[in-house]
Protein backbone atom coordinates (compact mmCIF):
# COMPACT_ATOMS: atom_id res chain seq x y z
CA UNK A 1 -1.94 -11.75 -18.47
CA UNK A 2 -2.73 -15.32 -16.62
CA UNK A 3 -5.79 -16.83 -18.24
CA UNK A 4 -6.27 -19.19 -15.03
CA UNK A 5 -6.01 -22.22 -17.21
CA UNK A 6 -2.56 -22.68 -17.30
CA UNK A 7 -1.80 -20.60 -20.40
CA UNK A 8 -0.75 -16.94 -20.43
CA UNK A 9 -1.94 -13.83 -23.14
CA UNK A 10 0.76 -11.81 -24.54
CA UNK A 11 -0.01 -8.53 -23.62
CA UNK A 12 3.28 -6.76 -24.04
CA UNK A 13 1.77 -4.00 -26.14
CA UNK A 14 -0.86 -3.33 -24.28
CA UNK A 15 1.67 -3.16 -20.99
CA UNK A 16 3.73 -0.98 -22.68
CA UNK A 17 6.88 -3.53 -22.46
CA UNK A 18 7.54 -4.23 -26.04
CA UNK A 19 10.71 -2.43 -26.71
CA UNK A 20 13.05 -4.46 -28.24
CA UNK A 21 16.52 -4.92 -25.86
CA UNK A 22 19.14 -7.19 -24.95
CA UNK A 23 18.17 -7.54 -21.24
CA UNK A 24 20.30 -9.61 -18.41
CA UNK A 25 18.81 -8.77 -15.17
CA UNK A 26 15.28 -7.74 -13.58
CA UNK A 27 14.13 -6.68 -10.04
CA UNK A 28 10.89 -5.65 -8.73
CA UNK A 29 10.04 -3.33 -6.14
CA UNK A 30 7.03 -1.22 -4.97
CA UNK A 31 9.01 2.28 -6.37
CA UNK A 32 6.09 4.58 -5.64
CA UNK A 33 4.71 3.12 -2.56
CA UNK A 34 1.20 2.39 -4.09
CA UNK A 35 0.72 -1.61 -3.26
CA UNK A 36 1.70 -2.42 -6.75
CA UNK A 37 5.32 -4.04 -7.97
CA UNK A 38 7.30 -2.04 -10.26
CA UNK A 39 9.72 -3.78 -13.08
CA UNK A 40 13.61 -2.43 -13.43
CA UNK A 41 15.14 -4.05 -16.40
CA UNK A 42 18.95 -4.00 -16.87
CA UNK A 43 20.24 -3.85 -20.11
CA UNK A 44 23.56 -4.59 -21.94
CA UNK A 45 24.99 -1.41 -23.49
CA UNK A 46 22.15 0.36 -22.44
CA UNK A 47 20.31 2.34 -19.86
CA UNK A 48 18.10 0.11 -17.73
CA UNK A 49 14.33 0.60 -18.04
CA UNK A 50 11.96 1.28 -15.12
CA UNK A 51 8.40 0.13 -15.62
CA UNK A 52 5.81 1.84 -13.27
CA UNK A 53 2.71 -0.10 -12.57
CA UNK A 54 -0.19 1.68 -13.21
CA UNK A 55 -2.70 -1.14 -12.13
CA UNK A 56 -3.95 0.72 -8.91
CA UNK A 57 -4.20 4.16 -10.90
CA UNK A 58 -6.25 2.22 -13.77
CA UNK A 59 -8.82 0.58 -11.60
CA UNK A 60 -10.96 3.65 -10.30
CA UNK A 61 -12.68 2.97 -8.09
CA UNK A 62 -9.99 0.78 -6.42
CA UNK A 63 -10.59 -3.08 -7.27
CA UNK A 64 -6.84 -4.09 -6.37
CA UNK A 65 -6.23 -3.91 -3.16
CA UNK A 66 -2.62 -4.89 -1.34
CA UNK A 67 -1.12 -5.69 1.86
CA UNK A 68 2.58 -4.99 2.33
CA UNK A 69 4.49 -6.48 5.01
CA UNK A 70 7.82 -5.39 6.48
CA UNK A 71 9.75 -7.97 8.72
CA UNK A 72 12.08 -7.29 11.19
CA UNK A 73 13.94 -10.35 12.72
CA UNK A 74 16.56 -10.72 15.40
CA UNK A 75 19.98 -9.12 15.56
CA UNK A 76 21.64 -12.04 13.39
CA UNK A 77 18.79 -12.02 10.75
CA UNK A 78 17.69 -8.11 10.60
CA UNK A 79 15.35 -9.09 7.50
CA UNK A 80 14.18 -11.91 8.86
CA UNK A 81 15.37 -14.06 5.84
CA UNK A 82 13.64 -18.02 5.73
CA UNK A 83 10.63 -16.37 7.42
CA UNK A 84 7.47 -18.15 5.78
CA UNK A 85 4.23 -15.48 5.48
CA UNK A 86 1.00 -17.54 5.01
CA UNK A 87 -2.02 -14.87 4.07
CA UNK A 88 -5.78 -15.82 4.52
CA UNK A 89 -8.19 -13.59 2.29
CA UNK A 90 -11.55 -14.34 0.86
CA UNK A 91 -11.45 -18.10 1.49
CA UNK A 92 -8.05 -18.25 -0.43
CA UNK A 93 -4.45 -18.81 1.09
CA UNK A 94 -1.30 -17.02 -0.60
CA UNK A 95 2.33 -17.72 0.70
CA UNK A 96 5.43 -16.29 0.17
CA UNK A 97 9.08 -16.88 1.72
CA UNK A 98 11.55 -13.80 2.77
CA UNK A 99 14.29 -14.43 0.35
CA UNK A 100 14.90 -11.60 -1.74
CA UNK A 101 17.87 -12.74 -3.60
CA UNK A 102 17.10 -13.52 -7.18
CA UNK A 103 20.65 -14.97 -8.73
CA UNK A 104 24.02 -13.68 -8.75
CA UNK A 105 24.38 -10.03 -7.75
CA UNK A 106 20.53 -9.82 -8.07
CA UNK A 107 18.04 -8.84 -5.46
CA UNK A 108 14.23 -7.69 -4.68
CA UNK A 109 12.64 -5.24 -2.46
CA UNK A 110 12.54 -7.02 0.83
CA UNK A 111 9.15 -5.76 1.93
CA UNK A 112 6.35 -8.66 0.90
CA UNK A 113 3.49 -7.15 -1.21
CA UNK A 114 0.61 -9.33 -1.29
CA UNK A 115 -2.05 -8.67 -4.09
CA UNK A 116 -6.01 -8.85 -2.45
CA UNK A 117 -7.90 -8.21 -5.82
CA UNK A 118 -10.96 -6.58 -4.88
CA UNK A 119 -10.99 -7.72 -1.12
CA UNK A 120 -10.94 -5.00 1.85
CA UNK A 121 -9.91 -7.22 4.70
CA UNK A 122 -7.28 -9.78 5.33
CA UNK A 123 -8.77 -12.69 7.85
CA UNK A 124 -5.10 -13.45 8.93
CA UNK A 125 -1.57 -13.45 8.67
CA UNK A 126 0.56 -15.99 9.95
CA UNK A 127 4.45 -15.70 10.02
CA UNK A 128 6.60 -18.86 10.99
CA UNK A 129 10.27 -17.08 11.55
CA UNK A 130 13.26 -19.30 10.78
CA UNK A 131 13.94 -20.15 14.76
CA UNK A 132 10.37 -22.05 14.42
CA UNK A 133 8.29 -19.01 16.62
CA UNK A 134 5.03 -17.74 14.81
CA UNK A 135 3.17 -14.20 14.86
CA UNK A 136 -0.12 -14.33 14.26
CA UNK A 137 -2.35 -11.16 13.06
CA UNK A 138 -6.00 -11.19 12.19
CA UNK A 139 -8.52 -8.95 10.82
CA UNK A 140 -6.31 -6.35 9.02
CA UNK A 141 -7.16 -3.72 6.77
CA UNK A 142 -6.27 -3.60 2.93
CA UNK A 143 -3.96 -1.37 1.42
CA UNK A 144 -1.65 -1.11 4.49
CA UNK A 145 1.93 -1.67 5.60
CA UNK A 146 1.99 -4.00 8.34
CA UNK A 147 5.29 -4.51 10.38
CA UNK A 148 6.29 -7.80 12.14
CA UNK A 149 8.46 -8.14 14.61
CA UNK A 150 10.51 -11.88 15.41
CA UNK A 151 10.80 -10.91 18.73
CA UNK A 152 6.82 -10.38 19.32
CA UNK A 153 6.49 -14.01 17.92
CA UNK A 154 5.99 -17.14 20.32
CA UNK A 155 6.66 -20.65 20.25
CA UNK A 156 3.52 -22.35 19.61
CA UNK A 157 3.30 -26.46 19.70
CA UNK A 158 1.35 -28.24 17.56
CA UNK A 159 -0.68 -31.54 18.20
CA UNK A 160 1.18 -32.84 15.11
CA UNK A 161 5.11 -33.35 14.91
CA UNK A 162 6.93 -30.63 13.45
CA UNK A 163 9.36 -31.50 10.66
CA UNK A 164 13.03 -30.24 11.04
CA UNK A 165 13.77 -26.43 9.69
CA UNK A 166 16.86 -27.39 8.04
CA UNK A 167 18.01 -30.30 6.14
CA UNK A 168 20.92 -30.48 8.18
CA UNK A 169 21.36 -30.04 11.91
CA UNK A 170 24.48 -29.08 13.48
CA UNK A 171 25.91 -31.59 15.92
């Protein structure tokens, strides 16, 4: 558990993730669609572990809210790989990039899940698509799934200079 002082507390016993094993891969996804990420761990010569996250069920009344985003890219990039999403809520900012690949032959859920803590609304979500277009949504209720579509995005010019999206440019 994050102590918020650059250190973590070992809570494996409390979390129920304390069985010795030889694991060689892990992925996370919201398997039960309740807004918290569950964990799947691959083991060598043994069945995989599936750990269901019960955070939402254990905090009654619910004090852990979420926002789930599904990105719908264009025909060449249907899942919006490379998109950056910034979420603003409760005077805090969170950012995730849509890169679900985690190592060789590994992947995680393509939906982006943001934890909101006690916040029940999101001030704004700004998505910057790989082609430079932006989608802006405001005043979003917590504990919902929001579908963002690249075709609905617009080119928004900023007064400041824009850095290239890629290190290399095709000439």
